[in-house]
Amino acid sequence: MMRLSKRFRGLYWRQMVVTVGMVLLTLSLLGAAFFSLSYNYARGQKTDELESRARIMSQLSVSYLEGGRYLSIEELRNDPDFQQLASFAATVSDVQFMICDTEGHVLLSTDVSLSGKVVTIPEEMTRKIMEEGSASDRDDLGGLYQQKQFIVGVAAVNPVSQETVGEVFAVATTSSLDTMWKGFVGLFFMTAFVVLMISFMASSVTTMRQVQPIRDMVKATRQYAEGNFDIRMNDSGRDDEIGELAASFNNMAESLQQTERQRREFIANISHELKTPMTTIAGYTDGILDGTIPPESERQYLQIISDESRRLSRMVRRMLDVSQLQAIDPLRGGNHFDICESMRRVLISMEKKITDRHLDVDADIPEEPILVLGDNDMITQVLYNLLENATKFAREGSTLYLGVAMIDGKARVTVRNVGDTIPAEELPLLFERFHKSDKSRSEDKDGVGLGLYIVKTILEQHREKISVTSEDGVTTFTFSLATE
């Protein structure tokens, strides 16, 4: 029972209730307004028609009523000419007439059902006729009629003296109006039922189309909570808000999946990178302690332990540097610095390493300053990492190139060296964490595989990207910096 009530409190049923409720309310208001207008219009038409006939009859009756020509009802009823006239008018117009004196006493009626009965028109109607000239109402005349009739009365006025000499009433049944009313009510309810069913089905389809993706998203979020990021939303064919939400949901899933994949790769990489130095340190330490390593070799292995400890320390420090870099927005302050001066300082700091490798340097750095937007220290770190990487893998005795030029309103920095060609399939992996080529693993024991990853991270923080090409032994790294 609780599950059922909870289900009916869902978005689908709420939307259905609101839609059906609005349709019912609209139909009710429209029906009430149309009923009122149509009834009043029909009644007004009927009243005008009866009043028109009553005035014609009153004109014909004036000559019989004026001057008290008839002293009694019997005399008026026994007049064959007037009876023939009244009966003819009633037959032609399908309306019953009652001719009365000024006090509302019926002198003659064409309705045979009132024959022999004393009939008096309600005082209120007769007074209104005497004051205003006409009156209309629905009445059963004190029970004389089984159902209420339309009664319209007018004054019979002498055209010469303008004296009211009597009153004439036209009486008609309401059966035609009631028939029209019943037919209209039936038609309205049938139409309302059809409209309600159509709106119910249309609302059901529309609401389900809106609610189903949300239900799918709820199921998907539960899968994500369990670590399954392979679920995707089907947003094909929709260009509305639900389609945008589904696309954003898929983008979020892609981001979560990538983050999870990077987390696992990071754990696997860090486990691999930490295992080697820690195993080396533990193994040589145990060898010294248990006497496996002879005393005369202890200094050599202690040096290895020291080197591995320092490499381990550098790795941890680099990992902390990456975490700190990802939390900095270098463009927030809008600071500018001279990229040319930074490049000169990096070249000076790298002079010993370049000399040790017997390398020449081709520096294409303008004398005029080039002001770029960003953090000077972070870009200096980028330049240092790229130049150090180029020095490390350059062929001994070759030439390094470091240059900057203005292209398309940006400062484009290029670092190039000559060495071994990097395979095309390995180029996209150079900027991944802990990635090192086989050559670096065998010859570069000091590297931790985070230098180029730090370069990419810093440039991404500056809203820029870095590219690399390697052909015929020439490897070129290029990145840009905004000037404003």
Protein backbone atom coordinates (compact mmCIF):
# COMPACT_ATOMS: atom_id res chain seq x y z
CA MET A 1 0.00 0.00 0.00
CA MET A 2 2.84 2.35 0.88
CA ARG A 3 4.61 1.45 -2.35
CA LEU A 4 1.48 2.19 -4.35
CA SER A 5 0.92 5.55 -2.66
CA LYS A 6 4.57 6.43 -3.17
CA ARG A 7 4.27 5.56 -6.83
CA PHE A 8 1.23 7.79 -7.25
CA ARG A 9 3.21 10.62 -5.68
CA GLY A 10 5.75 10.36 -8.49
CA LEU A 11 6.38 12.97 -11.18
CA TYR A 12 4.33 11.05 -13.77
CA TRP A 13 1.13 10.99 -11.73
CA ARG A 14 1.59 14.53 -10.50
CA GLN A 15 1.87 15.70 -14.08
CA MET A 16 -1.16 13.63 -15.07
CA VAL A 17 -3.28 14.98 -12.21
CA VAL A 18 -2.31 18.57 -13.03
CA THR A 19 -3.05 18.11 -16.75
CA VAL A 20 -6.39 16.34 -16.27
CA GLY A 21 -7.37 18.81 -13.55
CA MET A 22 -6.62 21.77 -15.81
CA VAL A 23 -8.59 20.20 -18.67
CA LEU A 24 -11.58 19.53 -16.39
CA LEU A 25 -11.46 23.03 -14.96
CA THR A 26 -11.23 24.55 -18.44
CA LEU A 27 -14.12 22.44 -19.73
CA SER A 28 -16.23 23.29 -16.68
CA LEU A 29 -15.64 27.03 -17.04
CA LEU A 30 -16.23 26.95 -20.79
CA GLY A 31 -19.33 24.80 -20.35
CA ALA A 32 -20.79 27.03 -17.66
CA ALA A 33 -20.11 30.16 -19.70
CA PHE A 34 -21.52 28.66 -22.90
CA PHE A 35 -24.55 27.21 -21.11
CA SER A 36 -25.32 30.60 -19.61
CA LEU A 37 -24.82 32.49 -22.85
CA SER A 38 -26.77 30.03 -24.99
CA TYR A 39 -29.66 29.79 -22.52
CA ASN A 40 -29.93 33.54 -22.09
CA TYR A 41 -29.74 34.01 -25.84
CA ALA A 42 -32.41 31.39 -26.53
CA ARG A 43 -34.63 32.77 -23.80
CA GLY A 44 -34.19 36.32 -25.10
CA GLN A 45 -35.08 35.18 -28.62
CA LYS A 46 -38.16 33.39 -27.33
CA THR A 47 -39.20 36.39 -25.25
CA ASP A 48 -38.83 38.77 -28.21
CA GLU A 49 -40.84 36.43 -30.40
CA LEU A 50 -43.68 36.16 -27.87
CA GLU A 51 -43.67 39.90 -27.24
CA SER A 52 -43.94 40.57 -30.97
CA ARG A 53 -46.95 38.26 -31.26
CA ALA A 54 -48.52 39.67 -28.12
CA ARG A 55 -48.27 43.25 -29.49
CA ILE A 56 -49.93 42.21 -32.73
CA MET A 57 -52.74 40.59 -30.74
CA SER A 58 -53.03 43.65 -28.50
CA GLN A 59 -53.53 45.87 -31.56
CA LEU A 60 -56.30 43.59 -32.74
CA SER A 61 -57.93 43.52 -29.30
CA VAL A 62 -57.99 47.25 -28.57
CA SER A 63 -61.26 47.86 -30.41
CA TYR A 64 -62.94 45.16 -28.37
CA LEU A 65 -61.59 46.31 -25.02
CA GLU A 66 -61.77 50.08 -25.19
CA GLY A 67 -64.57 52.00 -23.54
CA GLY A 68 -65.79 48.99 -21.57
CA ARG A 69 -67.52 47.65 -24.68
CA TYR A 70 -67.84 44.27 -23.02
CA LEU A 71 -69.30 44.36 -19.57
CA SER A 72 -68.72 40.68 -18.84
CA ILE A 73 -66.43 37.84 -19.75
CA GLU A 74 -69.33 35.89 -21.20
CA GLU A 75 -70.09 38.66 -23.66
CA LEU A 76 -66.48 38.70 -24.85
CA ARG A 77 -66.31 34.92 -25.14
CA ASN A 78 -69.59 34.78 -27.07
CA ASP A 79 -68.46 37.28 -29.65
CA PRO A 80 -67.89 35.05 -32.72
CA ASP A 81 -65.75 37.60 -34.56
CA PHE A 82 -63.29 38.05 -31.71
CA GLN A 83 -63.17 34.33 -30.97
CA GLN A 84 -62.43 33.59 -34.59
CA LEU A 85 -59.75 36.26 -34.65
CA ALA A 86 -58.03 35.02 -31.47
CA SER A 87 -58.17 31.34 -32.51
CA PHE A 88 -56.73 32.16 -35.92
CA ALA A 89 -53.86 34.10 -34.39
CA ALA A 90 -53.09 31.30 -31.91
CA THR A 91 -53.13 28.66 -34.64
CA VAL A 92 -50.90 30.61 -37.00
CA SER A 93 -48.32 31.60 -34.37
CA ASP A 94 -48.45 28.36 -32.33
CA VAL A 95 -48.90 30.56 -29.27
CA GLN A 96 -51.79 30.72 -26.79
CA PHE A 97 -53.20 34.16 -26.01
CA MET A 98 -54.93 35.53 -22.95
CA ILE A 99 -56.82 38.81 -23.16
CA CYS A 100 -57.21 40.51 -19.78
CA ASP A 101 -58.54 43.69 -18.30
CA THR A 102 -56.24 46.19 -16.65
CA GLU A 103 -56.38 44.27 -13.37
CA GLY A 104 -55.12 41.00 -14.85
CA HIS A 105 -58.46 39.14 -14.99
CA VAL A 106 -58.50 36.87 -18.02
CA LEU A 107 -61.45 37.74 -20.24
CA LEU A 108 -60.64 35.31 -23.03
CA SER A 109 -58.08 32.51 -23.52
CA THR A 110 -57.36 30.52 -26.64
CA ASP A 111 -56.09 27.63 -24.49
CA VAL A 112 -58.92 25.11 -24.24
CA SER A 113 -57.35 23.64 -21.08
CA LEU A 114 -58.30 26.84 -19.24
CA SER A 115 -61.86 26.76 -20.46
CA GLY A 116 -64.33 27.42 -17.63
CA LYS A 117 -61.59 28.42 -15.17
CA VAL A 118 -61.20 31.76 -13.49
CA VAL A 119 -57.66 32.89 -14.23
CA THR A 120 -55.91 35.92 -12.81
CA ILE A 121 -52.42 37.01 -13.86
CA PRO A 122 -50.02 37.59 -10.92
CA GLU A 123 -50.31 41.13 -9.61
CA GLU A 124 -46.59 41.78 -10.04
CA MET A 125 -46.75 41.19 -13.80
CA THR A 126 -49.85 43.31 -14.29
CA ARG A 127 -48.33 46.17 -12.30
CA LYS A 128 -45.13 45.99 -14.33
CA ILE A 129 -47.11 46.03 -17.58
CA MET A 130 -49.08 49.08 -16.47
CA GLU A 131 -45.82 50.85 -15.50
CA GLU A 132 -43.43 49.75 -18.25
CA GLY A 133 -45.69 48.54 -21.01
CA SER A 134 -44.46 44.89 -21.03
CA ALA A 135 -43.33 42.06 -18.76
CA SER A 136 -42.07 38.48 -19.11
CA ASP A 137 -41.69 35.53 -16.76
CA ARG A 138 -41.78 31.78 -16.39
CA ASP A 139 -44.76 30.77 -14.28
CA ASP A 140 -47.39 28.06 -13.86
CA LEU A 141 -50.10 30.62 -12.89
CA GLY A 142 -50.74 29.19 -9.50
CA GLY A 143 -50.80 25.58 -10.62
CA LEU A 144 -52.99 26.04 -13.71
CA TYR A 145 -50.18 24.61 -15.83
CA GLN A 146 -48.35 21.40 -14.95
CA GLN A 147 -45.04 22.95 -16.02
CA LYS A 148 -43.84 26.49 -16.05
CA GLN A 149 -44.63 28.38 -19.26
CA PHE A 150 -43.07 31.36 -20.96
CA ILE A 151 -45.48 34.23 -20.42
CA VAL A 152 -45.01 37.61 -22.07
CA GLY A 153 -47.54 40.37 -21.53
CA VAL A 154 -48.01 43.77 -23.18
CA ALA A 155 -50.44 46.60 -22.61
CA ALA A 156 -53.35 47.09 -25.00
CA VAL A 157 -53.18 50.86 -25.64
CA ASN A 158 -55.73 52.97 -27.49
CA PRO A 159 -53.72 54.58 -30.29
CA VAL A 160 -55.80 57.76 -30.15
CA SER A 161 -56.15 58.44 -26.43
CA GLN A 162 -52.99 56.51 -25.44
CA GLU A 163 -55.07 54.95 -22.65
CA THR A 164 -54.37 51.40 -21.50
CA VAL A 165 -57.60 49.53 -21.92
CA GLY A 166 -56.35 46.00 -21.17
CA GLU A 167 -53.51 43.53 -21.29
CA VAL A 168 -52.63 40.75 -23.72
CA PHE A 169 -50.46 37.77 -22.77
CA ALA A 170 -48.72 35.32 -25.09
CA VAL A 171 -48.04 31.91 -23.57
CA ALA A 172 -45.71 29.23 -24.96
CA THR A 173 -44.32 26.01 -23.58
CA THR A 174 -40.61 25.60 -22.79
CA SER A 175 -40.41 22.18 -24.44
CA SER A 176 -38.42 23.42 -27.46
CA LEU A 177 -35.96 25.23 -25.23
CA ASP A 178 -35.68 22.26 -22.90
CA THR A 179 -35.12 19.93 -25.86
CA MET A 180 -32.40 22.19 -27.20
CA TRP A 181 -30.89 22.44 -23.71
CA LYS A 182 -30.83 18.66 -23.21
CA GLY A 183 -29.34 18.12 -26.65
CA PHE A 184 -26.67 20.69 -25.98
CA VAL A 185 -25.84 19.20 -22.59
CA GLY A 186 -25.51 15.75 -24.10
CA LEU A 187 -23.32 17.03 -26.92
CA PHE A 188 -21.17 18.97 -24.46
CA PHE A 189 -20.57 16.00 -22.20
CA MET A 190 -19.76 13.75 -25.15
CA THR A 191 -17.33 16.34 -26.50
CA ALA A 192 -15.86 16.89 -23.04
CA PHE A 193 -15.33 13.14 -22.64
CA VAL A 194 -13.57 12.89 -26.01
CA VAL A 195 -11.39 15.92 -25.25
CA LEU A 196 -10.59 14.52 -21.81
CA MET A 197 -9.56 11.15 -23.23
CA ILE A 198 -7.42 12.76 -25.94
CA SER A 199 -5.74 15.03 -23.40
CA PHE A 200 -5.25 12.09 -21.04
CA MET A 201 -3.54 10.00 -23.72
CA ALA A 202 -1.48 12.92 -25.03
CA SER A 203 -0.45 13.87 -21.51
CA SER A 204 0.36 10.25 -20.70
CA VAL A 205 2.64 9.91 -23.73
CA THR A 206 4.28 13.30 -23.20
CA THR A 207 4.75 12.84 -19.49
CA MET A 208 6.14 9.33 -19.90
CA ARG A 209 8.56 10.63 -22.52
CA GLN A 210 9.73 13.24 -20.03
CA VAL A 211 9.78 10.99 -16.97
CA GLN A 212 11.38 7.89 -18.48
CA PRO A 213 14.81 9.53 -19.06
CA ILE A 214 14.76 10.75 -15.46
CA ARG A 215 14.00 7.23 -14.25
CA ASP A 216 16.87 5.96 -16.41
CA MET A 217 19.13 8.57 -14.85
CA VAL A 218 18.13 7.45 -11.37
CA LYS A 219 19.04 3.86 -12.27
CA ALA A 220 22.29 5.05 -13.83
CA THR A 221 23.28 7.03 -10.72
CA ARG A 222 22.77 3.90 -8.65
CA GLN A 223 25.09 2.06 -11.02
CA TYR A 224 27.64 4.87 -10.72
CA ALA A 225 27.41 4.65 -6.94
CA GLU A 226 28.39 0.98 -7.29
CA GLY A 227 31.38 1.88 -9.47
CA ASN A 228 29.89 0.98 -12.87
CA PHE A 229 30.48 3.96 -15.17
CA ASP A 230 29.67 2.22 -18.46
CA ILE A 231 25.96 3.21 -18.41
CA ARG A 232 25.01 5.92 -20.91
CA MET A 233 21.78 7.81 -21.58
CA ASN A 234 20.09 7.57 -24.97
CA ASP A 235 19.69 11.21 -26.02
CA SER A 236 19.22 10.62 -29.74
CA GLY A 237 16.45 12.54 -31.45
CA ARG A 238 15.86 15.02 -28.64
CA ASP A 239 16.80 18.68 -28.87
CA ASP A 240 14.93 19.86 -25.78
CA GLU A 241 15.98 20.30 -22.15
CA ILE A 242 15.75 16.54 -21.52
CA GLY A 243 18.11 15.94 -24.43
CA GLU A 244 20.55 18.51 -23.05
CA LEU A 245 20.29 16.94 -19.61
CA ALA A 246 20.95 13.47 -21.06
CA ALA A 247 23.96 14.79 -23.00
CA SER A 248 25.30 16.50 -19.87
CA PHE A 249 24.68 13.31 -17.93
CA ASN A 250 26.70 11.32 -20.47
CA ASN A 251 29.49 13.90 -20.32
CA MET A 252 29.49 13.57 -16.54
CA ALA A 253 29.65 9.78 -16.88
CA GLU A 254 32.55 10.09 -19.31
CA SER A 255 34.34 12.40 -16.88
CA LEU A 256 33.69 10.05 -13.96
CA GLN A 257 34.85 7.07 -15.99
CA GLN A 258 37.99 8.91 -17.05
CA THR A 259 38.65 10.03 -13.49
CA GLU A 260 38.19 6.48 -12.24
CA ARG A 261 40.48 5.16 -14.98
CA GLN A 262 43.10 7.79 -14.15
CA ARG A 263 42.79 6.97 -10.47
CA ARG A 264 43.40 3.29 -11.13
CA GLU A 265 46.25 4.06 -13.51
CA PHE A 266 47.72 6.45 -10.95
CA ILE A 267 47.56 3.81 -8.23
CA ALA A 268 49.06 1.21 -10.55
CA ASN A 269 51.80 3.59 -11.72
CA ILE A 270 52.69 4.87 -8.29
CA SER A 271 52.73 1.32 -6.98
CA HIS A 272 55.10 0.33 -9.77
CA GLU A 273 57.33 3.39 -9.37
CA LEU A 274 57.53 3.08 -5.59
CA LYS A 275 58.12 -0.66 -5.64
CA THR A 276 61.49 -0.48 -7.44
CA PRO A 277 63.31 2.00 -5.15
CA MET A 278 61.74 0.56 -2.01
CA THR A 279 62.71 -2.98 -3.04
CA THR A 280 66.25 -1.81 -3.80
CA ILE A 281 66.54 0.05 -0.48
CA ALA A 282 65.11 -2.87 1.53
CA GLY A 283 67.23 -5.48 -0.28
CA TYR A 284 70.56 -3.71 0.07
CA THR A 285 69.79 -2.71 3.67
CA ASP A 286 69.03 -6.33 4.59
CA GLY A 287 72.21 -7.45 2.77
CA ILE A 288 74.33 -5.07 4.83
CA LEU A 289 72.59 -6.05 8.09
CA ASP A 290 72.82 -9.81 7.60
CA GLY A 291 76.38 -9.71 6.25
CA THR A 292 75.57 -10.86 2.74
CA ILE A 293 77.29 -7.76 1.36
CA PRO A 294 80.98 -7.73 2.37
CA PRO A 295 82.15 -4.74 4.42
CA GLU A 296 84.39 -3.42 1.66
CA SER A 297 81.32 -3.08 -0.65
CA GLU A 298 79.01 -1.50 1.92
CA ARG A 299 79.87 2.06 0.91
CA GLN A 300 78.98 1.35 -2.69
CA TYR A 301 75.58 -0.10 -1.79
CA LEU A 302 74.93 2.64 0.78
CA GLN A 303 75.43 5.12 -2.04
CA ILE A 304 72.82 3.22 -4.10
CA ILE A 305 70.43 3.30 -1.13
CA SER A 306 71.02 7.05 -0.78
CA ASP A 307 70.39 7.65 -4.50
CA GLU A 308 67.17 5.61 -4.47
CA SER A 309 65.97 7.41 -1.34
CA ARG A 310 66.53 10.76 -2.98
CA ARG A 311 64.71 9.63 -6.13
CA LEU A 312 61.84 8.45 -3.98
CA SER A 313 61.81 11.83 -2.26
CA ARG A 314 61.81 13.65 -5.60
CA MET A 315 58.92 11.54 -6.81
CA VAL A 316 56.81 12.35 -3.77
CA ARG A 317 57.73 16.03 -4.06
CA ARG A 318 56.77 16.08 -7.75
CA MET A 319 53.42 14.46 -6.93
CA LEU A 320 52.76 17.15 -4.35
CA ASP A 321 53.76 19.80 -6.90
CA VAL A 322 51.19 18.43 -9.36
CA SER A 323 48.44 18.56 -6.73
CA GLN A 324 49.31 22.16 -5.89
CA LEU A 325 49.46 23.21 -9.54
CA GLN A 326 45.98 21.83 -10.22
CA ALA A 327 44.55 24.07 -7.47
CA ILE A 328 46.03 27.34 -8.87
CA ASP A 329 44.40 29.70 -11.38
CA PRO A 330 47.37 31.61 -12.87
CA LEU A 331 45.14 33.84 -15.03
CA ARG A 332 43.00 35.20 -12.21
CA GLY A 333 45.26 38.15 -11.38
CA GLY A 334 45.79 39.17 -15.01
CA ASN A 335 49.56 39.52 -14.47
CA HIS A 336 52.02 39.88 -17.38
CA PHE A 337 55.72 39.04 -17.58
CA ASP A 338 58.50 39.02 -20.16
CA ILE A 339 58.80 35.53 -21.62
CA CYS A 340 62.14 36.43 -23.27
CA GLU A 341 63.74 37.23 -19.92
CA SER A 342 62.44 33.96 -18.45
CA MET A 343 63.94 31.99 -21.34
CA ARG A 344 67.36 33.64 -20.85
CA ARG A 345 67.35 32.80 -17.13
CA VAL A 346 66.49 29.15 -17.86
CA LEU A 347 69.34 28.92 -20.39
CA ILE A 348 71.79 30.30 -17.83
CA SER A 349 70.60 27.84 -15.16
CA MET A 350 70.98 24.94 -17.63
CA GLU A 351 74.47 25.98 -18.77
CA LYS A 352 76.38 23.27 -16.85
CA LYS A 353 74.13 20.41 -18.03
CA ILE A 354 74.31 21.63 -21.61
CA THR A 355 78.09 21.93 -21.42
CA ASP A 356 78.46 18.46 -19.89
CA ARG A 357 76.63 17.02 -22.90
CA HIS A 358 78.82 19.04 -25.30
CA LEU A 359 75.77 20.67 -26.87
CA ASP A 360 75.48 23.88 -28.81
CA VAL A 361 72.51 26.23 -28.31
CA ASP A 362 70.64 28.09 -31.06
CA ALA A 363 68.73 30.74 -29.09
CA ASP A 364 66.21 32.73 -31.13
CA ILE A 365 65.14 35.16 -28.41
CA PRO A 366 64.30 38.78 -29.37
CA GLU A 367 65.94 41.65 -27.54
CA GLU A 368 62.59 43.42 -27.17
CA PRO A 369 60.39 42.11 -24.37
CA ILE A 370 57.34 39.99 -25.18
CA LEU A 371 54.77 40.34 -22.43
CA VAL A 372 52.54 37.30 -21.91
CA LEU A 373 49.68 36.62 -19.52
CA GLY A 374 50.26 34.09 -16.76
CA ASP A 375 52.38 33.08 -13.80
CA ASN A 376 56.11 33.68 -14.35
CA ASP A 377 57.30 30.95 -11.95
CA MET A 378 55.01 28.31 -13.47
CA ILE A 379 56.04 29.09 -17.06
CA THR A 380 59.68 29.13 -15.99
CA GLN A 381 59.10 25.59 -14.65
CA VAL A 382 57.68 24.62 -18.07
CA LEU A 383 60.72 26.02 -19.87
CA TYR A 384 63.12 24.33 -17.46
CA ASN A 385 61.41 20.92 -17.76
CA LEU A 386 61.32 21.07 -21.57
CA LEU A 387 64.94 22.22 -21.89
CA GLU A 388 66.12 19.65 -19.35
CA ASN A 389 64.24 16.93 -21.21
CA ALA A 390 65.71 18.09 -24.54
CA THR A 391 69.24 18.15 -23.05
CA LYS A 392 68.87 14.71 -21.53
CA PHE A 393 67.81 13.02 -24.77
CA ALA A 394 69.83 15.10 -27.27
CA ARG A 395 72.60 13.40 -29.23
CA GLU A 396 75.93 14.40 -27.74
CA GLY A 397 77.57 17.23 -29.68
CA SER A 398 74.28 18.24 -31.41
CA THR A 399 72.48 21.59 -31.25
CA LEU A 400 69.55 22.61 -29.05
CA TYR A 401 67.06 25.18 -30.30
CA LEU A 402 65.12 27.50 -28.02
CA GLY A 403 63.07 30.28 -29.64
CA VAL A 404 59.96 32.43 -29.37
CA ALA A 405 57.95 34.30 -32.01
CA MET A 406 54.64 36.17 -32.24
CA ILE A 407 52.11 34.23 -34.31
CA ASP A 408 48.38 35.10 -34.52
CA GLY A 409 48.62 37.41 -31.52
CA LYS A 410 50.24 34.78 -29.28
CA ALA A 411 53.79 34.09 -28.20
CA ARG A 412 54.78 30.69 -29.62
CA VAL A 413 57.69 29.01 -27.79
CA THR A 414 59.65 26.19 -29.45
CA VAL A 415 62.16 23.74 -27.90
CA ARG A 416 63.93 21.37 -30.33
CA ASN A 417 66.69 18.78 -30.07
CA VAL A 418 68.32 16.14 -32.26
CA GLY A 419 68.35 12.58 -31.00
CA ASP A 420 66.44 9.35 -31.43
CA THR A 421 63.06 9.54 -33.20
CA ILE A 422 60.14 8.95 -30.85
CA PRO A 423 57.67 6.41 -32.34
CA ALA A 424 54.39 7.98 -33.47
CA GLU A 425 52.32 5.72 -31.20
CA GLU A 426 54.30 6.89 -28.18
CA LEU A 427 53.93 10.64 -28.79
CA PRO A 428 50.44 10.93 -27.17
CA LEU A 429 51.75 9.12 -24.06
CA LEU A 430 54.64 11.50 -23.37
CA PHE A 431 52.52 13.76 -21.17
CA GLU A 432 50.96 10.98 -19.09
CA ARG A 433 51.93 10.52 -15.45
CA PHE A 434 54.93 8.26 -14.82
CA HIS A 435 55.41 7.59 -18.52
CA LYS A 436 59.01 6.92 -19.48
CA SER A 437 60.33 5.46 -22.69
CA ASP A 438 62.33 2.25 -22.61
CA LYS A 439 65.45 4.28 -23.36
CA SER A 440 64.89 6.47 -20.31
CA ARG A 441 64.21 3.45 -18.09
CA SER A 442 67.60 1.95 -19.02
CA GLU A 443 69.76 5.08 -19.02
CA ASP A 444 67.91 7.69 -16.97
CA LYS A 445 67.69 6.31 -13.45
CA ASP A 446 66.94 9.73 -11.96
CA GLY A 447 63.73 10.37 -13.90
CA VAL A 448 60.33 9.83 -12.33
CA GLY A 449 58.13 10.36 -15.41
CA LEU A 450 56.38 13.50 -14.12
CA GLY A 451 58.27 16.30 -15.89
CA LEU A 452 56.20 16.48 -19.05
CA TYR A 453 53.00 15.78 -17.11
CA ILE A 454 53.74 18.87 -15.01
CA VAL A 455 54.33 20.83 -18.24
CA LYS A 456 50.93 19.79 -19.60
CA THR A 457 49.22 20.56 -16.25
CA ILE A 458 50.70 24.07 -16.05
CA LEU A 459 49.75 24.92 -19.63
CA GLU A 460 46.20 23.59 -19.12
CA GLN A 461 45.94 25.92 -16.12
CA HIS A 462 46.89 28.74 -18.55
CA ARG A 463 44.15 27.55 -21.00
CA GLU A 464 46.85 26.49 -23.48
CA LYS A 465 48.05 23.21 -25.00
CA ILE A 466 51.43 21.77 -26.00
CA SER A 467 52.20 19.80 -29.14
CA VAL A 468 55.12 17.51 -30.04
CA THR A 469 56.50 16.15 -33.30
CA SER A 470 59.38 13.76 -33.91
CA GLU A 471 60.70 13.02 -37.40
CA ASP A 472 64.16 11.93 -38.61
CA GLY A 473 65.59 12.30 -35.13
CA VAL A 474 64.36 15.90 -34.69
CA THR A 475 61.92 16.26 -31.77
CA THR A 476 60.09 19.58 -31.36
CA PHE A 477 57.90 20.76 -28.48
CA THR A 478 55.72 23.85 -29.12
CA PHE A 479 53.30 25.78 -26.93
CA SER A 480 51.66 29.21 -26.99
CA LEU A 481 50.91 31.87 -24.40
CA ALA A 482 48.31 34.62 -24.63
CA THR A 483 49.50 38.22 -24.60
CA GLU A 484 46.21 39.69 -23.34
